[in-house]
Amino acid sequence: MKTLARIAVALTALASCAAFAQTDNDADRARRDRNMDEVMAKHHVQLDTMNGEAPQAKPTLRERTHHVAETTREKTHKVAQSTRNFTHRQADKARAFSARHGHPKSDGTVVKTPDSTPS
């Protein structure tokens, strides 16, 4: 008999908590909505900007100068690389010309071609 009474009390408590939670939930939701509106108004937040559609800010001077510096650096690097490639090609051509015409090489040796074959 004791267990039956305990089960009845537990079911009654559970039912009353569920009923209280149901009525309290509606009032609680309304209170939360009011609080949210007050916070939004206090911090000057608009709901349309919360959806990821923030207004585009103008770029600052620092951002613009950074972009200019990056562009200048890229173009300077490109020009320097093409200059290096050109000078290396010219040096290779000069070495090949010197080797063909018997001029001293950079290490001091002279390349000679035999005039006639020895017998």
C-alpha atoms as a PDB file:
ATOM      1  CA  MET A   1       0.000   0.000   0.000  1.00  0.00           C
ATOM      2  CA  LYS A   2       2.853   2.327   0.701  1.00  0.00           C
ATOM      3  CA  THR A   3       4.253   1.928  -2.782  1.00  0.00           C
ATOM      4  CA  LEU A   4       0.907   2.697  -4.352  1.00  0.00           C
ATOM      5  CA  ALA A   5       0.705   5.916  -2.322  1.00  0.00           C
ATOM      6  CA  ARG A   6       4.232   6.899  -3.322  1.00  0.00           C
ATOM      7  CA  ILE A   7       3.435   6.317  -7.004  1.00  0.00           C
ATOM      8  CA  ALA A   8       0.252   8.402  -6.716  1.00  0.00           C
ATOM      9  CA  VAL A   9       2.098  11.275  -5.016  1.00  0.00           C
ATOM     10  CA  ALA A  10       4.871  11.161  -7.636  1.00  0.00           C
ATOM     11  CA  LEU A  11       2.359  11.208 -10.508  1.00  0.00           C
ATOM     12  CA  THR A  12       0.447  14.086  -8.924  1.00  0.00           C
ATOM     13  CA  ALA A  13       3.663  16.073  -8.443  1.00  0.00           C
ATOM     14  CA  LEU A  14       4.705  15.375 -11.992  1.00  0.00           C
ATOM     15  CA  ALA A  15       1.363  16.464 -13.397  1.00  0.00           C
ATOM     16  CA  SER A  16       1.326  19.684 -11.372  1.00  0.00           C
ATOM     17  CA  CYS A  17       4.887  20.556 -12.454  1.00  0.00           C
ATOM     18  CA  ALA A  18       3.980  19.957 -16.084  1.00  0.00           C
ATOM     19  CA  ALA A  19       0.906  22.158 -15.814  1.00  0.00           C
ATOM     20  CA  PHE A  20       2.894  24.911 -14.079  1.00  0.00           C
ATOM     21  CA  ALA A  21       5.648  24.678 -16.699  1.00  0.00           C
ATOM     22  CA  GLN A  22       3.072  24.996 -19.488  1.00  0.00           C
ATOM     23  CA  THR A  23       1.552  28.217 -18.123  1.00  0.00           C
ATOM     24  CA  ASP A  24       4.890  29.615 -16.982  1.00  0.00           C
ATOM     25  CA  ASN A  25       6.451  28.911 -20.370  1.00  0.00           C
ATOM     26  CA  ASP A  26       4.132  31.360 -22.223  1.00  0.00           C
ATOM     27  CA  ALA A  27       4.705  34.142 -19.731  1.00  0.00           C
ATOM     28  CA  ASP A  28       8.416  33.417 -19.641  1.00  0.00           C
ATOM     29  CA  ARG A  29       8.675  33.570 -23.438  1.00  0.00           C
ATOM     30  CA  ALA A  30       6.897  36.938 -23.512  1.00  0.00           C
ATOM     31  CA  ARG A  31       9.236  38.267 -20.816  1.00  0.00           C
ATOM     32  CA  ARG A  32      12.276  37.053 -22.756  1.00  0.00           C
ATOM     33  CA  ASP A  33      11.014  38.740 -25.930  1.00  0.00           C
ATOM     34  CA  ARG A  34      10.557  42.041 -24.091  1.00  0.00           C
ATOM     35  CA  ASN A  35      14.033  41.768 -22.582  1.00  0.00           C
ATOM     36  CA  MET A  36      15.538  41.052 -25.991  1.00  0.00           C
ATOM     37  CA  ASP A  37      13.834  44.100 -27.491  1.00  0.00           C
ATOM     38  CA  GLU A  38      15.113  46.287 -24.647  1.00  0.00           C
ATOM     39  CA  VAL A  39      18.670  45.043 -25.086  1.00  0.00           C
ATOM     40  CA  MET A  40      18.524  45.580 -28.846  1.00  0.00           C
ATOM     41  CA  ALA A  41      17.252  49.122 -28.370  1.00  0.00           C
ATOM     42  CA  LYS A  42      19.853  49.847 -25.699  1.00  0.00           C
ATOM     43  CA  HIS A  43      22.740  48.777 -27.924  1.00  0.00           C
ATOM     44  CA  HIS A  44      21.256  50.292 -31.107  1.00  0.00           C
ATOM     45  CA  VAL A  45      21.180  46.929 -32.887  1.00  0.00           C
ATOM     46  CA  GLN A  46      18.801  46.462 -35.773  1.00  0.00           C
ATOM     47  CA  LEU A  47      17.447  43.026 -36.511  1.00  0.00           C
ATOM     48  CA  ASP A  48      18.117  43.276 -40.258  1.00  0.00           C
ATOM     49  CA  THR A  49      21.863  43.699 -39.625  1.00  0.00           C
ATOM     50  CA  MET A  50      21.899  40.601 -37.428  1.00  0.00           C
ATOM     51  CA  ASN A  51      21.067  38.425 -40.429  1.00  0.00           C
ATOM     52  CA  GLY A  52      24.530  38.918 -41.890  1.00  0.00           C
ATOM     53  CA  GLU A  53      23.675  41.981 -43.956  1.00  0.00           C
ATOM     54  CA  ALA A  54      25.907  44.439 -42.120  1.00  0.00           C
ATOM     55  CA  PRO A  55      26.390  47.755 -43.881  1.00  0.00           C
ATOM     56  CA  GLN A  56      29.630  48.010 -45.812  1.00  0.00           C
ATOM     57  CA  ALA A  57      32.067  50.374 -44.146  1.00  0.00           C
ATOM     58  CA  LYS A  58      34.317  52.560 -46.243  1.00  0.00           C
ATOM     59  CA  PRO A  59      37.907  51.324 -46.293  1.00  0.00           C
ATOM     60  CA  THR A  60      40.168  53.167 -43.901  1.00  0.00           C
ATOM     61  CA  LEU A  61      43.329  54.966 -44.928  1.00  0.00           C
ATOM     62  CA  ARG A  62      45.381  52.135 -43.476  1.00  0.00           C
ATOM     63  CA  GLU A  63      43.550  49.547 -45.589  1.00  0.00           C
ATOM     64  CA  ARG A  64      43.953  51.612 -48.761  1.00  0.00           C
ATOM     65  CA  THR A  65      47.676  52.199 -48.192  1.00  0.00           C
ATOM     66  CA  HIS A  66      48.159  48.518 -47.415  1.00  0.00           C
ATOM     67  CA  HIS A  67      46.530  47.632 -50.740  1.00  0.00           C
ATOM     68  CA  VAL A  68      48.757  50.132 -52.562  1.00  0.00           C
ATOM     69  CA  ALA A  69      51.860  48.760 -50.848  1.00  0.00           C
ATOM     70  CA  GLU A  70      50.947  45.182 -51.772  1.00  0.00           C
ATOM     71  CA  THR A  71      50.326  46.135 -55.408  1.00  0.00           C
ATOM     72  CA  THR A  72      53.592  48.082 -55.594  1.00  0.00           C
ATOM     73  CA  ARG A  73      55.508  45.189 -54.044  1.00  0.00           C
ATOM     74  CA  GLU A  74      54.043  42.723 -56.540  1.00  0.00           C
ATOM     75  CA  LYS A  75      54.850  44.891 -59.556  1.00  0.00           C
ATOM     76  CA  THR A  76      58.369  45.670 -58.298  1.00  0.00           C
ATOM     77  CA  HIS A  77      59.067  41.996 -57.746  1.00  0.00           C
ATOM     78  CA  LYS A  78      57.833  41.155 -61.238  1.00  0.00           C
ATOM     79  CA  VAL A  79      60.084  43.795 -62.841  1.00  0.00           C
ATOM     80  CA  ALA A  80      63.109  42.744 -60.776  1.00  0.00           C
ATOM     81  CA  GLN A  81      62.590  39.100 -61.722  1.00  0.00           C
ATOM     82  CA  SER A  82      62.361  39.909 -65.428  1.00  0.00           C
ATOM     83  CA  THR A  83      65.520  42.033 -65.152  1.00  0.00           C
ATOM     84  CA  ARG A  84      67.380  39.175 -63.451  1.00  0.00           C
ATOM     85  CA  ASN A  85      66.243  36.754 -66.142  1.00  0.00           C
ATOM     86  CA  PHE A  86      67.376  39.155 -68.879  1.00  0.00           C
ATOM     87  CA  THR A  87      70.832  39.743 -67.350  1.00  0.00           C
ATOM     88  CA  HIS A  88      71.372  36.011 -66.836  1.00  0.00           C
ATOM     89  CA  ARG A  89      70.478  35.314 -70.452  1.00  0.00           C
ATOM     90  CA  GLN A  90      72.864  38.033 -71.632  1.00  0.00           C
ATOM     91  CA  ALA A  91      75.667  36.679 -69.441  1.00  0.00           C
ATOM     92  CA  ASP A  92      75.129  33.178 -70.834  1.00  0.00           C
ATOM     93  CA  LYS A  93      75.286  34.542 -74.390  1.00  0.00           C
ATOM     94  CA  ALA A  94      78.507  36.440 -73.609  1.00  0.00           C
ATOM     95  CA  ARG A  95      80.112  33.304 -72.136  1.00  0.00           C
ATOM     96  CA  ALA A  96      79.112  31.267 -75.175  1.00  0.00           C
ATOM     97  CA  PHE A  97      80.518  33.932 -77.499  1.00  0.00           C
ATOM     98  CA  SER A  98      83.805  34.053 -75.559  1.00  0.00           C
ATOM     99  CA  ALA A  99      84.127  30.276 -75.662  1.00  0.00           C
ATOM    100  CA  ARG A 100      83.545  30.179 -79.426  1.00  0.00           C
ATOM    101  CA  HIS A 101      86.116  32.862 -80.206  1.00  0.00           C
ATOM    102  CA  GLY A 102      88.934  31.737 -77.923  1.00  0.00           C
ATOM    103  CA  HIS A 103      88.699  34.463 -75.329  1.00  0.00           C
ATOM    104  CA  PRO A 104      89.708  33.749 -71.738  1.00  0.00           C
ATOM    105  CA  LYS A 105      86.989  32.190 -69.673  1.00  0.00           C
ATOM    106  CA  SER A 106      86.089  33.416 -66.251  1.00  0.00           C
ATOM    107  CA  ASP A 107      88.446  30.871 -64.637  1.00  0.00           C
ATOM    108  CA  GLY A 108      91.435  32.119 -66.690  1.00  0.00           C
ATOM    109  CA  THR A 109      91.811  29.219 -69.101  1.00  0.00           C
ATOM    110  CA  VAL A 110      91.849  29.805 -72.820  1.00  0.00           C
ATOM    111  CA  VAL A 111      89.867  27.628 -75.173  1.00  0.00           C
ATOM    112  CA  LYS A 112      91.826  27.002 -78.376  1.00  0.00           C
ATOM    113  CA  THR A 113      90.741  25.183 -81.450  1.00  0.00           C
ATOM    114  CA  PRO A 114      93.439  23.317 -83.354  1.00  0.00           C
ATOM    115  CA  ASP A 115      94.357  24.855 -86.713  1.00  0.00           C
ATOM    116  CA  SER A 116      95.465  21.577 -88.188  1.00  0.00           C
ATOM    117  CA  THR A 117      95.533  18.011 -87.048  1.00  0.00           C
ATOM    118  CA  PRO A 118      98.970  16.670 -86.084  1.00  0.00           C
ATOM    119  CA  SER A 119     100.285  13.745 -88.111  1.00  0.00           C
END
